[in-house]
């Protein structure tokens, strides 16, 4: 499973690519090179979004499990109190 550490690495890669893009713009790079860098940025941004989505799904799933467990425990406690 992807982790926040993976997302941090992606963010580092994005920062490097953004700096490379700035450098190329200052040095009058070809549009072909600018397109390549922009494509790499897009791929990394998609990877970051996927990582965040995966982590969010895992956290929400765990929260749902805890809520269900708490409901079950509450129902059991109420049933015992009635008996």
Protein backbone atom coordinates (compact mmCIF):
# COMPACT_ATOMS: atom_id res chain seq x y z
CA UNK A 1 0.00 0.00 0.00
CA UNK A 2 1.19 3.50 -0.77
CA UNK A 3 2.13 5.60 2.22
CA UNK A 4 2.54 9.24 3.13
CA UNK A 5 6.30 8.68 2.87
CA UNK A 6 5.73 7.75 -0.78
CA UNK A 7 3.76 10.96 -1.24
CA UNK A 8 6.62 12.92 0.28
CA UNK A 9 9.00 11.44 -2.30
CA UNK A 10 6.56 12.34 -5.08
CA UNK A 11 6.40 15.91 -3.72
CA UNK A 12 10.20 16.07 -3.78
CA UNK A 13 10.19 14.86 -7.38
CA UNK A 14 7.55 17.45 -8.26
CA UNK A 15 9.66 20.21 -6.72
CA UNK A 16 12.66 19.13 -8.80
CA UNK A 17 10.56 19.01 -11.95
CA UNK A 18 9.09 22.46 -11.25
CA UNK A 19 12.61 23.85 -10.85
CA UNK A 20 13.68 22.14 -14.07
CA UNK A 21 10.67 23.68 -15.82
CA UNK A 22 11.61 27.15 -14.53
CA UNK A 23 15.19 26.65 -15.66
CA UNK A 24 14.13 25.54 -19.12
CA UNK A 25 11.79 28.54 -19.43
CA UNK A 26 14.62 30.91 -18.49
CA UNK A 27 16.93 29.27 -21.02
CA UNK A 28 14.44 29.40 -23.90
CA UNK A 29 13.92 25.64 -24.06
CA UNK A 30 12.15 24.03 -26.95
CA UNK A 31 8.44 23.48 -26.63
CA UNK A 32 9.09 19.76 -27.01
CA UNK A 33 11.21 19.76 -23.83
CA UNK A 34 8.62 21.86 -21.99
CA UNK A 35 5.93 19.35 -22.97
CA UNK A 36 8.09 16.48 -21.68
CA UNK A 37 8.58 18.17 -18.32
CA UNK A 38 4.88 19.08 -18.06
CA UNK A 39 3.97 15.44 -18.81
CA UNK A 40 6.30 14.25 -16.05
CA UNK A 41 4.75 16.74 -13.63
CA UNK A 42 1.28 15.49 -14.57
CA UNK A 43 2.28 11.85 -14.02
CA UNK A 44 3.75 12.64 -10.60
CA UNK A 45 0.69 14.66 -9.59
CA UNK A 46 -1.54 11.73 -10.56
CA UNK A 47 0.68 9.42 -8.51
CA UNK A 48 0.36 11.73 -5.49
CA UNK A 49 -3.42 11.85 -5.88
CA UNK A 50 -3.53 8.06 -6.05
CA UNK A 51 -1.44 7.78 -2.91
CA UNK A 52 -3.65 10.20 -1.00
CA UNK A 53 -6.75 8.36 -2.18
CA UNK A 54 -5.36 4.99 -1.09
CA UNK A 55 -4.37 6.28 2.35
CA UNK A 56 -7.75 7.99 2.77
CA UNK A 57 -9.61 4.80 1.84
CA UNK A 58 -7.56 2.79 4.36
CA UNK A 59 -8.21 5.31 7.12
CA UNK A 60 -11.93 5.58 6.39
CA UNK A 61 -12.24 1.79 6.30
CA UNK A 62 -10.55 1.53 9.69
CA UNK A 63 -12.80 4.24 11.14
CA UNK A 64 -15.86 2.38 9.86
CA UNK A 65 -14.59 -0.80 11.50
CA UNK A 66 -14.11 1.01 14.80
CA UNK A 67 -17.59 2.56 14.61
CA UNK A 68 -19.16 -0.84 13.88
CA UNK A 69 -17.22 -2.36 16.77
CA UNK A 70 -18.36 0.40 19.13
CA UNK A 71 -22.00 -0.07 18.04
CA UNK A 72 -21.77 -3.81 18.64
CA UNK A 73 -20.23 -3.28 22.07
CA UNK A 74 -22.94 -0.75 22.95
CA UNK A 75 -25.70 -3.13 21.87
CA UNK A 76 -24.20 -5.94 23.94
CA UNK A 77 -23.90 -3.71 26.99
CA UNK A 78 -27.53 -2.58 26.69
CA UNK A 79 -28.70 -6.17 26.28
CA UNK A 80 -26.83 -7.25 29.42
CA UNK A 81 -28.23 -4.30 31.38
CA UNK A 82 -31.80 -5.32 30.48
CA UNK A 83 -31.23 -8.91 31.61
